[in-house]
Amino acid sequence: MRFKNPGGNLVWMTPLFTLAGCFLAFMNVREGSIGFAVLYGSLGLFSALVWFDLKWVAIPLMIYFSLAIISGSVMLFVVGFSMMLLSKLVLAGYTVFELWEWRNRPDG
């Protein structure tokens, strides 16, 4: 494992996901929701591991954000259109795209 800048927009996205995942994991531990704490903690851990150039980490992160896109799309049709929800879906889709590009980038 070597510490390496992921490049692109992952430079600012992954630290935010790391902090958000750790914060949400802590809040869910306090509330007693261990399942969600593990889910958000793994999001934080995998986001931090992107900086160590572990390409396999992109797969669980892409699955996580793909499930968020699917559930958000269902919410769009069930609850109704919301600009905030649409922007969250676009951000999740863009994150999947960035992770895909990073994963397929040759090591240089």
PDB file of N, CA and C in Angstrom:
ATOM      1  N   MET A   1       0.837  -1.176   0.000  1.00  0.00           N
ATOM      2  CA  MET A   1       0.000   0.000   0.000  1.00  0.00           C
ATOM      3  C   MET A   1       0.879   1.234   0.000  1.00  0.00           C
ATOM      4  N   ARG A   2       0.592   2.114  -0.935  1.00  0.00           N
ATOM      5  CA  ARG A   2       1.319   3.370  -0.963  1.00  0.00           C
ATOM      6  C   ARG A   2       0.307   4.509  -0.989  1.00  0.00           C
ATOM      7  N   PHE A   3       0.659   5.579  -0.346  1.00  0.00           N
ATOM      8  CA  PHE A   3      -0.203   6.754  -0.315  1.00  0.00           C
ATOM      9  C   PHE A   3      -0.066   7.479  -1.638  1.00  0.00           C
ATOM     10  N   LYS A   4      -1.196   7.652  -2.341  1.00  0.00           N
ATOM     11  CA  LYS A   4      -1.142   8.265  -3.659  1.00  0.00           C
ATOM     12  C   LYS A   4      -2.396   9.101  -3.883  1.00  0.00           C
ATOM     13  N   ASN A   5      -2.207  10.262  -4.430  1.00  0.00           N
ATOM     14  CA  ASN A   5      -3.308  11.147  -4.760  1.00  0.00           C
ATOM     15  C   ASN A   5      -4.165  10.493  -5.839  1.00  0.00           C
ATOM     16  N   PRO A   6      -5.485  10.337  -5.618  1.00  0.00           N
ATOM     17  CA  PRO A   6      -6.319   9.681  -6.625  1.00  0.00           C
ATOM     18  C   PRO A   6      -6.538  10.526  -7.875  1.00  0.00           C
ATOM     19  N   GLY A   7      -6.378  11.818  -7.775  1.00  0.00           N
ATOM     20  CA  GLY A   7      -6.550  12.699  -8.924  1.00  0.00           C
ATOM     21  C   GLY A   7      -8.009  12.966  -9.229  1.00  0.00           C
ATOM     22  N   GLY A   8      -8.236  13.907 -10.097  1.00  0.00           N
ATOM     23  CA  GLY A   8      -9.599  14.255 -10.491  1.00  0.00           C
ATOM     24  C   GLY A   8     -10.399  14.829  -9.335  1.00  0.00           C
ATOM     25  N   ASN A   9     -11.688  14.655  -9.400  1.00  0.00           N
ATOM     26  CA  ASN A   9     -12.563  15.154  -8.347  1.00  0.00           C
ATOM     27  C   ASN A   9     -12.581  14.253  -7.120  1.00  0.00           C
ATOM     28  N   LEU A  10     -11.965  13.079  -7.212  1.00  0.00           N
ATOM     29  CA  LEU A  10     -11.881  12.219  -6.029  1.00  0.00           C
ATOM     30  C   LEU A  10     -11.006  12.840  -4.952  1.00  0.00           C
ATOM     31  N   VAL A  11     -10.202  13.816  -5.322  1.00  0.00           N
ATOM     32  CA  VAL A  11      -9.339  14.500  -4.347  1.00  0.00           C
ATOM     33  C   VAL A  11     -10.181  15.183  -3.280  1.00  0.00           C
ATOM     34  N   TRP A  12     -11.281  15.793  -3.663  1.00  0.00           N
ATOM     35  CA  TRP A  12     -12.116  16.461  -2.667  1.00  0.00           C
ATOM     36  C   TRP A  12     -13.330  15.632  -2.265  1.00  0.00           C
ATOM     37  N   MET A  13     -13.748  14.684  -3.107  1.00  0.00           N
ATOM     38  CA  MET A  13     -14.934  13.894  -2.786  1.00  0.00           C
ATOM     39  C   MET A  13     -14.659  12.843  -1.710  1.00  0.00           C
ATOM     40  N   THR A  14     -13.539  12.138  -1.833  1.00  0.00           N
ATOM     41  CA  THR A  14     -13.286  11.050  -0.887  1.00  0.00           C
ATOM     42  C   THR A  14     -13.042  11.531   0.546  1.00  0.00           C
ATOM     43  N   PRO A  15     -12.343  12.645   0.792  1.00  0.00           N
ATOM     44  CA  PRO A  15     -12.270  13.092   2.192  1.00  0.00           C
ATOM     45  C   PRO A  15     -13.633  13.475   2.767  1.00  0.00           C
ATOM     46  N   LEU A  16     -14.496  14.055   1.943  1.00  0.00           N
ATOM     47  CA  LEU A  16     -15.841  14.385   2.421  1.00  0.00           C
ATOM     48  C   LEU A  16     -16.639  13.126   2.743  1.00  0.00           C
ATOM     49  N   PHE A  17     -16.530  12.112   1.879  1.00  0.00           N
ATOM     50  CA  PHE A  17     -17.225  10.855   2.143  1.00  0.00           C
ATOM     51  C   PHE A  17     -16.653  10.158   3.371  1.00  0.00           C
ATOM     52  N   THR A  18     -15.355  10.270   3.573  1.00  0.00           N
ATOM     53  CA  THR A  18     -14.729   9.675   4.760  1.00  0.00           C
ATOM     54  C   THR A  18     -15.256  10.329   6.033  1.00  0.00           C
ATOM     55  N   LEU A  19     -15.260  11.650   6.052  1.00  0.00           N
ATOM     56  CA  LEU A  19     -15.762  12.363   7.232  1.00  0.00           C
ATOM     57  C   LEU A  19     -17.249  12.113   7.452  1.00  0.00           C
ATOM     58  N   ALA A  20     -18.026  12.157   6.380  1.00  0.00           N
ATOM     59  CA  ALA A  20     -19.464  11.929   6.507  1.00  0.00           C
ATOM     60  C   ALA A  20     -19.764  10.504   6.967  1.00  0.00           C
ATOM     61  N   GLY A  21     -19.036   9.536   6.413  1.00  0.00           N
ATOM     62  CA  GLY A  21     -19.248   8.142   6.817  1.00  0.00           C
ATOM     63  C   GLY A  21     -18.913   7.910   8.281  1.00  0.00           C
ATOM     64  N   CYS A  22     -17.804   8.473   8.731  1.00  0.00           N
ATOM     65  CA  CYS A  22     -17.425   8.317  10.143  1.00  0.00           C
ATOM     66  C   CYS A  22     -18.414   9.020  11.063  1.00  0.00           C
ATOM     67  N   PHE A  23     -18.861  10.218  10.670  1.00  0.00           N
ATOM     68  CA  PHE A  23     -19.837  10.943  11.484  1.00  0.00           C
ATOM     69  C   PHE A  23     -21.154  10.181  11.571  1.00  0.00           C
ATOM     70  N   LEU A  24     -21.653   9.701  10.429  1.00  0.00           N
ATOM     71  CA  LEU A  24     -22.918   8.965  10.436  1.00  0.00           C
ATOM     72  C   LEU A  24     -22.798   7.636  11.180  1.00  0.00           C
ATOM     73  N   ALA A  25     -21.637   6.999  11.082  1.00  0.00           N
ATOM     74  CA  ALA A  25     -21.428   5.761  11.849  1.00  0.00           C
ATOM     75  C   ALA A  25     -21.473   6.048  13.343  1.00  0.00           C
ATOM     76  N   PHE A  26     -20.820   7.133  13.763  1.00  0.00           N
ATOM     77  CA  PHE A  26     -20.830   7.510  15.176  1.00  0.00           C
ATOM     78  C   PHE A  26     -22.248   7.816  15.652  1.00  0.00           C
ATOM     79  N   MET A  27     -23.004   8.561  14.859  1.00  0.00           N
ATOM     80  CA  MET A  27     -24.375   8.904  15.252  1.00  0.00           C
ATOM     81  C   MET A  27     -25.265   7.666  15.337  1.00  0.00           C
ATOM     82  N   ASN A  28     -25.063   6.708  14.437  1.00  0.00           N
ATOM     83  CA  ASN A  28     -25.880   5.504  14.474  1.00  0.00           C
ATOM     84  C   ASN A  28     -25.483   4.575  15.610  1.00  0.00           C
ATOM     85  N   VAL A  29     -24.220   4.588  16.009  1.00  0.00           N
ATOM     86  CA  VAL A  29     -23.819   3.812  17.186  1.00  0.00           C
ATOM     87  C   VAL A  29     -24.487   4.397  18.429  1.00  0.00           C
ATOM     88  N   ARG A  30     -24.530   5.705  18.507  1.00  0.00           N
ATOM     89  CA  ARG A  30     -25.172   6.361  19.656  1.00  0.00           C
ATOM     90  C   ARG A  30     -26.656   6.056  19.719  1.00  0.00           C
ATOM     91  N   GLU A  31     -27.301   5.922  18.561  1.00  0.00           N
ATOM     92  CA  GLU A  31     -28.735   5.624  18.522  1.00  0.00           C
ATOM     93  C   GLU A  31     -29.027   4.132  18.633  1.00  0.00           C
ATOM     94  N   GLY A  32     -28.005   3.303  18.537  1.00  0.00           N
ATOM     95  CA  GLY A  32     -28.190   1.861  18.660  1.00  0.00           C
ATOM     96  C   GLY A  32     -28.443   1.140  17.354  1.00  0.00           C
ATOM     97  N   SER A  33     -28.270   1.799  16.245  1.00  0.00           N
ATOM     98  CA  SER A  33     -28.468   1.173  14.932  1.00  0.00           C
ATOM     99  C   SER A  33     -27.126   0.635  14.429  1.00  0.00           C
ATOM    100  N   ILE A  34     -26.789  -0.557  14.863  1.00  0.00           N
ATOM    101  CA  ILE A  34     -25.473  -1.119  14.551  1.00  0.00           C
ATOM    102  C   ILE A  34     -25.336  -1.419  13.061  1.00  0.00           C
ATOM    103  N   GLY A  35     -26.397  -1.859  12.408  1.00  0.00           N
ATOM    104  CA  GLY A  35     -26.337  -2.169  10.979  1.00  0.00           C
ATOM    105  C   GLY A  35     -25.990  -0.941  10.149  1.00  0.00           C
ATOM    106  N   PHE A  36     -26.659   0.172  10.423  1.00  0.00           N
ATOM    107  CA  PHE A  36     -26.353   1.400   9.696  1.00  0.00           C
ATOM    108  C   PHE A  36     -24.974   1.931  10.068  1.00  0.00           C
ATOM    109  N   ALA A  37     -24.561   1.719  11.306  1.00  0.00           N
ATOM    110  CA  ALA A  37     -23.226   2.150  11.717  1.00  0.00           C
ATOM    111  C   ALA A  37     -22.154   1.406  10.927  1.00  0.00           C
ATOM    112  N   VAL A  38     -22.351   0.118  10.729  1.00  0.00           N
ATOM    113  CA  VAL A  38     -21.394  -0.664   9.928  1.00  0.00           C
ATOM    114  C   VAL A  38     -21.419  -0.202   8.471  1.00  0.00           C
ATOM    115  N   LEU A  39     -22.603   0.055   7.935  1.00  0.00           N
ATOM    116  CA  LEU A  39     -22.727   0.518   6.555  1.00  0.00           C
ATOM    117  C   LEU A  39     -22.003   1.843   6.352  1.00  0.00           C
ATOM    118  N   TYR A  40     -22.278   2.820   7.207  1.00  0.00           N
ATOM    119  CA  TYR A  40     -21.642   4.132   7.058  1.00  0.00           C
ATOM    120  C   TYR A  40     -20.161   4.088   7.425  1.00  0.00           C
ATOM    121  N   GLY A  41     -19.796   3.264   8.379  1.00  0.00           N
ATOM    122  CA  GLY A  41     -18.379   3.119   8.718  1.00  0.00           C
ATOM    123  C   GLY A  41     -17.580   2.520   7.577  1.00  0.00           C
ATOM    124  N   SER A  42     -18.182   1.545   6.882  1.00  0.00           N
ATOM    125  CA  SER A  42     -17.490   0.960   5.728  1.00  0.00           C
ATOM    126  C   SER A  42     -17.389   1.970   4.590  1.00  0.00           C
ATOM    127  N   LEU A  43     -18.392   2.831   4.437  1.00  0.00           N
ATOM    128  CA  LEU A  43     -18.305   3.905   3.443  1.00  0.00           C
ATOM    129  C   LEU A  43     -17.120   4.819   3.750  1.00  0.00           C
ATOM    130  N   GLY A  44     -16.967   5.184   5.022  1.00  0.00           N
ATOM    131  CA  GLY A  44     -15.844   6.027   5.415  1.00  0.00           C
ATOM    132  C   GLY A  44     -14.505   5.341   5.227  1.00  0.00           C
ATOM    133  N   LEU A  45     -14.429   4.079   5.588  1.00  0.00           N
ATOM    134  CA  LEU A  45     -13.182   3.332   5.453  1.00  0.00           C
ATOM    135  C   LEU A  45     -12.791   3.155   3.990  1.00  0.00           C
ATOM    136  N   PHE A  46     -13.739   2.742   3.157  1.00  0.00           N
ATOM    137  CA  PHE A  46     -13.436   2.539   1.740  1.00  0.00           C
ATOM    138  C   PHE A  46     -13.067   3.844   1.050  1.00  0.00           C
ATOM    139  N   SER A  47     -13.717   4.939   1.447  1.00  0.00           N
ATOM    140  CA  SER A  47     -13.369   6.235   0.867  1.00  0.00           C
ATOM    141  C   SER A  47     -11.958   6.651   1.247  1.00  0.00           C
ATOM    142  N   ALA A  48     -11.540   6.335   2.460  1.00  0.00           N
ATOM    143  CA  ALA A  48     -10.174   6.652   2.877  1.00  0.00           C
ATOM    144  C   ALA A  48      -9.158   5.771   2.148  1.00  0.00           C
ATOM    145  N   LEU A  49      -9.529   4.527   1.858  1.00  0.00           N
ATOM    146  CA  LEU A  49      -8.601   3.613   1.186  1.00  0.00           C
ATOM    147  C   LEU A  49      -8.367   3.970  -0.280  1.00  0.00           C
ATOM    148  N   VAL A  50      -9.211   4.827  -0.842  1.00  0.00           N
ATOM    149  CA  VAL A  50      -8.976   5.294  -2.212  1.00  0.00           C
ATOM    150  C   VAL A  50      -7.625   6.009  -2.279  1.00  0.00           C
ATOM    151  N   TRP A  51      -7.254   6.691  -1.215  1.00  0.00           N
ATOM    152  CA  TRP A  51      -5.991   7.441  -1.184  1.00  0.00           C
ATOM    153  C   TRP A  51      -4.768   6.536  -1.100  1.00  0.00           C
ATOM    154  N   PHE A  52      -4.983   5.248  -0.873  1.00  0.00           N
ATOM    155  CA  PHE A  52      -3.866   4.299  -0.833  1.00  0.00           C
ATOM    156  C   PHE A  52      -3.803   3.474  -2.119  1.00  0.00           C
ATOM    157  N   ASP A  53      -4.480   3.947  -3.158  1.00  0.00           N
ATOM    158  CA  ASP A  53      -4.420   3.381  -4.498  1.00  0.00           C
ATOM    159  C   ASP A  53      -4.814   1.909  -4.548  1.00  0.00           C
ATOM    160  N   LEU A  54      -5.812   1.541  -3.768  1.00  0.00           N
ATOM    161  CA  LEU A  54      -6.355   0.186  -3.805  1.00  0.00           C
ATOM    162  C   LEU A  54      -7.558   0.199  -4.743  1.00  0.00           C
ATOM    163  N   LYS A  55      -7.362  -0.288  -5.948  1.00  0.00           N
ATOM    164  CA  LYS A  55      -8.390  -0.191  -6.990  1.00  0.00           C
ATOM    165  C   LYS A  55      -9.637  -1.016  -6.673  1.00  0.00           C
ATOM    166  N   TRP A  56      -9.516  -2.090  -5.896  1.00  0.00           N
ATOM    167  CA  TRP A  56     -10.670  -2.921  -5.577  1.00  0.00           C
ATOM    168  C   TRP A  56     -11.690  -2.180  -4.718  1.00  0.00           C
ATOM    169  N   VAL A  57     -11.270  -1.120  -4.058  1.00  0.00           N
ATOM    170  CA  VAL A  57     -12.159  -0.350  -3.186  1.00  0.00           C
ATOM    171  C   VAL A  57     -13.258   0.335  -3.996  1.00  0.00           C
ATOM    172  N   ALA A  58     -13.007   0.575  -5.262  1.00  0.00           N
ATOM    173  CA  ALA A  58     -14.005   1.252  -6.096  1.00  0.00           C
ATOM    174  C   ALA A  58     -15.261   0.404  -6.268  1.00  0.00           C
ATOM    175  N   ILE A  59     -15.127  -0.907  -6.250  1.00  0.00           N
ATOM    176  CA  ILE A  59     -16.287  -1.778  -6.496  1.00  0.00           C
ATOM    177  C   ILE A  59     -17.337  -1.654  -5.388  1.00  0.00           C
ATOM    178  N   PRO A  60     -16.990  -1.813  -4.094  1.00  0.00           N
ATOM    179  CA  PRO A  60     -18.039  -1.640  -3.082  1.00  0.00           C
ATOM    180  C   PRO A  60     -18.580  -0.211  -3.024  1.00  0.00           C
ATOM    181  N   LEU A  61     -17.741   0.778  -3.314  1.00  0.00           N
ATOM    182  CA  LEU A  61     -18.239   2.153  -3.329  1.00  0.00           C
ATOM    183  C   LEU A  61     -19.204   2.377  -4.486  1.00  0.00           C
ATOM    184  N   MET A  62     -18.907   1.812  -5.658  1.00  0.00           N
ATOM    185  CA  MET A  62     -19.827   1.945  -6.784  1.00  0.00           C
ATOM    186  C   MET A  62     -21.140   1.226  -6.500  1.00  0.00           C
ATOM    187  N   ILE A  63     -21.077   0.078  -5.830  1.00  0.00           N
ATOM    188  CA  ILE A  63     -22.303  -0.637  -5.461  1.00  0.00           C
ATOM    189  C   ILE A  63     -23.118   0.189  -4.479  1.00  0.00           C
ATOM    190  N   TYR A  64     -22.450   0.788  -3.499  1.00  0.00           N
ATOM    191  CA  TYR A  64     -23.130   1.612  -2.505  1.00  0.00           C
ATOM    192  C   TYR A  64     -23.871   2.771  -3.174  1.00  0.00           C
ATOM    193  N   PHE A  65     -23.169   3.498  -4.047  1.00  0.00           N
ATOM    194  CA  PHE A  65     -23.799   4.643  -4.688  1.00  0.00           C
ATOM    195  C   PHE A  65     -24.818   4.225  -5.746  1.00  0.00           C
ATOM    196  N   SER A  66     -24.646   3.070  -6.363  1.00  0.00           N
ATOM    197  CA  SER A  66     -25.648   2.566  -7.306  1.00  0.00           C
ATOM    198  C   SER A  66     -26.941   2.217  -6.583  1.00  0.00           C
ATOM    199  N   LEU A  67     -26.830   1.624  -5.399  1.00  0.00           N
ATOM    200  CA  LEU A  67     -28.029   1.346  -4.603  1.00  0.00           C
ATOM    201  C   LEU A  67     -28.695   2.641  -4.157  1.00  0.00           C
ATOM    202  N   ALA A  68     -27.900   3.660  -3.876  1.00  0.00           N
ATOM    203  CA  ALA A  68     -28.472   4.959  -3.531  1.00  0.00           C
ATOM    204  C   ALA A  68     -29.212   5.562  -4.720  1.00  0.00           C
ATOM    205  N   ILE A  69     -28.680   5.374  -5.915  1.00  0.00           N
ATOM    206  CA  ILE A  69     -29.354   5.877  -7.119  1.00  0.00           C
ATOM    207  C   ILE A  69     -30.673   5.144  -7.340  1.00  0.00           C
ATOM    208  N   ILE A  70     -30.657   3.829  -7.164  1.00  0.00           N
ATOM    209  CA  ILE A  70     -31.881   3.043  -7.358  1.00  0.00           C
ATOM    210  C   ILE A  70     -32.947   3.443  -6.340  1.00  0.00           C
ATOM    211  N   SER A  71     -32.575   3.528  -5.067  1.00  0.00           N
ATOM    212  CA  SER A  71     -33.568   3.895  -4.050  1.00  0.00           C
ATOM    213  C   SER A  71     -34.029   5.338  -4.217  1.00  0.00           C
ATOM    214  N   GLY A  72     -33.133   6.227  -4.623  1.00  0.00           N
ATOM    215  CA  GLY A  72     -33.527   7.610  -4.868  1.00  0.00           C
ATOM    216  C   GLY A  72     -34.458   7.738  -6.061  1.00  0.00           C
ATOM    217  N   SER A  73     -34.236   6.920  -7.094  1.00  0.00           N
ATOM    218  CA  SER A  73     -35.130   6.940  -8.257  1.00  0.00           C
ATOM    219  C   SER A  73     -36.519   6.449  -7.879  1.00  0.00           C
ATOM    220  N   VAL A  74     -36.576   5.435  -7.049  1.00  0.00           N
ATOM    221  CA  VAL A  74     -37.875   4.951  -6.575  1.00  0.00           C
ATOM    222  C   VAL A  74     -38.570   6.044  -5.759  1.00  0.00           C
ATOM    223  N   MET A  75     -37.809   6.715  -4.903  1.00  0.00           N
ATOM    224  CA  MET A  75     -38.389   7.806  -4.104  1.00  0.00           C
ATOM    225  C   MET A  75     -38.886   8.942  -4.995  1.00  0.00           C
ATOM    226  N   LEU A  76     -38.206   9.185  -6.099  1.00  0.00           N
ATOM    227  CA  LEU A  76     -38.618  10.242  -7.018  1.00  0.00           C
ATOM    228  C   LEU A  76     -40.008   9.964  -7.567  1.00  0.00           C
ATOM    229  N   PHE A  77     -40.299   8.697  -7.839  1.00  0.00           N
ATOM    230  CA  PHE A  77     -41.606   8.347  -8.382  1.00  0.00           C
ATOM    231  C   PHE A  77     -42.664   8.177  -7.303  1.00  0.00           C
ATOM    232  N   VAL A  78     -42.281   7.707  -6.129  1.00  0.00           N
ATOM    233  CA  VAL A  78     -43.262   7.462  -5.066  1.00  0.00           C
ATOM    234  C   VAL A  78     -43.622   8.764  -4.343  1.00  0.00           C
ATOM    235  N   VAL A  79     -42.616   9.499  -3.900  1.00  0.00           N
ATOM    236  CA  VAL A  79     -42.844  10.714  -3.118  1.00  0.00           C
ATOM    237  C   VAL A  79     -43.160  11.899  -4.028  1.00  0.00           C
ATOM    238  N   GLY A  80     -42.507  11.968  -5.141  1.00  0.00           N
ATOM    239  CA  GLY A  80     -42.701  13.079  -6.067  1.00  0.00           C
ATOM    240  C   GLY A  80     -41.384  13.755  -6.372  1.00  0.00           C
ATOM    241  N   PHE A  81     -41.410  14.601  -7.374  1.00  0.00           N
ATOM    242  CA  PHE A  81     -40.200  15.274  -7.829  1.00  0.00           C
ATOM    243  C   PHE A  81     -39.746  16.307  -6.808  1.00  0.00           C
ATOM    244  N   SER A  82     -38.448  16.310  -6.586  1.00  0.00           N
ATOM    245  CA  SER A  82     -37.825  17.305  -5.729  1.00  0.00           C
ATOM    246  C   SER A  82     -36.473  17.640  -6.336  1.00  0.00           C
ATOM    247  N   MET A  83     -36.181  18.916  -6.415  1.00  0.00           N
ATOM    248  CA  MET A  83     -34.904  19.338  -6.989  1.00  0.00           C
ATOM    249  C   MET A  83     -33.739  18.857  -6.119  1.00  0.00           C
ATOM    250  N   MET A  84     -33.920  18.830  -4.806  1.00  0.00           N
ATOM    251  CA  MET A  84     -32.872  18.366  -3.894  1.00  0.00           C
ATOM    252  C   MET A  84     -32.584  16.882  -4.119  1.00  0.00           C
ATOM    253  N   LEU A  85     -33.626  16.089  -4.252  1.00  0.00           N
ATOM    254  CA  LEU A  85     -33.441  14.658  -4.486  1.00  0.00           C
ATOM    255  C   LEU A  85     -32.788  14.417  -5.847  1.00  0.00           C
ATOM    256  N   LEU A  86     -33.186  15.171  -6.845  1.00  0.00           N
ATOM    257  CA  LEU A  86     -32.575  15.035  -8.160  1.00  0.00           C
ATOM    258  C   LEU A  86     -31.091  15.389  -8.125  1.00  0.00           C
ATOM    259  N   SER A  87     -30.737  16.423  -7.387  1.00  0.00           N
ATOM    260  CA  SER A  87     -29.318  16.793  -7.286  1.00  0.00           C
ATOM    261  C   SER A  87     -28.508  15.726  -6.547  1.00  0.00           C
ATOM    262  N   LYS A  88     -29.105  15.087  -5.561  1.00  0.00           N
ATOM    263  CA  LYS A  88     -28.428  13.982  -4.868  1.00  0.00           C
ATOM    264  C   LYS A  88     -28.209  12.803  -5.811  1.00  0.00           C
ATOM    265  N   LEU A  89     -29.186  12.522  -6.651  1.00  0.00           N
ATOM    266  CA  LEU A  89     -29.044  11.430  -7.620  1.00  0.00           C
ATOM    267  C   LEU A  89     -27.953  11.744  -8.639  1.00  0.00           C
ATOM    268  N   VAL A  90     -27.889  12.979  -9.072  1.00  0.00           N
ATOM    269  CA  VAL A  90     -26.853  13.370 -10.028  1.00  0.00           C
ATOM    270  C   VAL A  90     -25.476  13.259  -9.382  1.00  0.00           C
ATOM    271  N   LEU A  91     -25.343  13.695  -8.130  1.00  0.00           N
ATOM    272  CA  LEU A  91     -24.059  13.592  -7.434  1.00  0.00           C
ATOM    273  C   LEU A  91     -23.650  12.131  -7.249  1.00  0.00           C
ATOM    274  N   ALA A  92     -24.596  11.266  -6.893  1.00  0.00           N
ATOM    275  CA  ALA A  92     -24.282   9.847  -6.738  1.00  0.00           C
ATOM    276  C   ALA A  92     -23.872   9.228  -8.069  1.00  0.00           C
ATOM    277  N   GLY A  93     -24.556   9.592  -9.136  1.00  0.00           N
ATOM    278  CA  GLY A  93     -24.188   9.089 -10.460  1.00  0.00           C
ATOM    279  C   GLY A  93     -22.820   9.578 -10.896  1.00  0.00           C
ATOM    280  N   TYR A  94     -22.525  10.822 -10.617  1.00  0.00           N
ATOM    281  CA  TYR A  94     -21.213  11.362 -10.959  1.00  0.00           C
ATOM    282  C   TYR A  94     -20.107  10.692 -10.147  1.00  0.00           C
ATOM    283  N   THR A  95     -20.402  10.358  -8.905  1.00  0.00           N
ATOM    284  CA  THR A  95     -19.423   9.655  -8.066  1.00  0.00           C
ATOM    285  C   THR A  95     -19.131   8.269  -8.632  1.00  0.00           C
ATOM    286  N   VAL A  96     -20.158   7.572  -9.075  1.00  0.00           N
ATOM    287  CA  VAL A  96     -19.952   6.258  -9.703  1.00  0.00           C
ATOM    288  C   VAL A  96     -19.095   6.406 -10.951  1.00  0.00           C
ATOM    289  N   PHE A  97     -19.362   7.428 -11.752  1.00  0.00           N
ATOM    290  CA  PHE A  97     -18.573   7.675 -12.953  1.00  0.00           C
ATOM    291  C   PHE A  97     -17.109   7.965 -12.609  1.00  0.00           C
ATOM    292  N   GLU A  98     -16.870   8.807 -11.625  1.00  0.00           N
ATOM    293  CA  GLU A  98     -15.496   9.135 -11.222  1.00  0.00           C
ATOM    294  C   GLU A  98     -14.756   7.902 -10.702  1.00  0.00           C
ATOM    295  N   LEU A  99     -15.453   7.085  -9.918  1.00  0.00           N
ATOM    296  CA  LEU A  99     -14.818   5.867  -9.402  1.00  0.00           C
ATOM    297  C   LEU A  99     -14.515   4.896 -10.534  1.00  0.00           C
ATOM    298  N   TRP A 100     -15.400   4.792 -11.510  1.00  0.00           N
ATOM    299  CA  TRP A 100     -15.171   3.918 -12.664  1.00  0.00           C
ATOM    300  C   TRP A 100     -13.947   4.383 -13.440  1.00  0.00           C
ATOM    301  N   GLU A 101     -13.852   5.680 -13.683  1.00  0.00           N
ATOM    302  CA  GLU A 101     -12.702   6.228 -14.404  1.00  0.00           C
ATOM    303  C   GLU A 101     -11.407   6.008 -13.627  1.00  0.00           C
ATOM    304  N   TRP A 102     -11.448   6.210 -12.316  1.00  0.00           N
ATOM    305  CA  TRP A 102     -10.256   6.022 -11.483  1.00  0.00           C
ATOM    306  C   TRP A 102      -9.822   4.557 -11.472  1.00  0.00           C
ATOM    307  N   ARG A 103     -10.790   3.653 -11.402  1.00  0.00           N
ATOM    308  CA  ARG A 103     -10.495   2.221 -11.345  1.00  0.00           C
ATOM    309  C   ARG A 103      -9.853   1.739 -12.644  1.00  0.00           C
ATOM    310  N   ASN A 104     -10.290   2.291 -13.771  1.00  0.00           N
ATOM    311  CA  ASN A 104      -9.792   1.854 -15.072  1.00  0.00           C
ATOM    312  C   ASN A 104      -8.576   2.637 -15.539  1.00  0.00           C
ATOM    313  N   ARG A 105      -8.140   3.608 -14.758  1.00  0.00           N
ATOM    314  CA  ARG A 105      -6.958   4.376 -15.115  1.00  0.00           C
ATOM    315  C   ARG A 105      -5.713   3.515 -14.935  1.00  0.00           C
ATOM    316  N   PRO A 106      -4.830   3.500 -15.927  1.00  0.00           N
ATOM    317  CA  PRO A 106      -3.600   2.699 -15.759  1.00  0.00           C
ATOM    318  C   PRO A 106      -2.688   3.320 -14.703  1.00  0.00           C
ATOM    319  N   ASP A 107      -1.989   2.472 -13.988  1.00  0.00           N
ATOM    320  CA  ASP A 107      -1.038   2.956 -12.984  1.00  0.00           C
ATOM    321  C   ASP A 107       0.125   3.627 -13.680  1.00  0.00           C
ATOM    322  N   GLY A 108       0.468   4.799 -13.187  1.00  0.00           N
ATOM    323  CA  GLY A 108       1.544   5.528 -13.841  1.00  0.00           C
ATOM    324  C   GLY A 108       2.501   5.951 -12.846  1.00  0.00           C
TER     325      GLY A 108
END
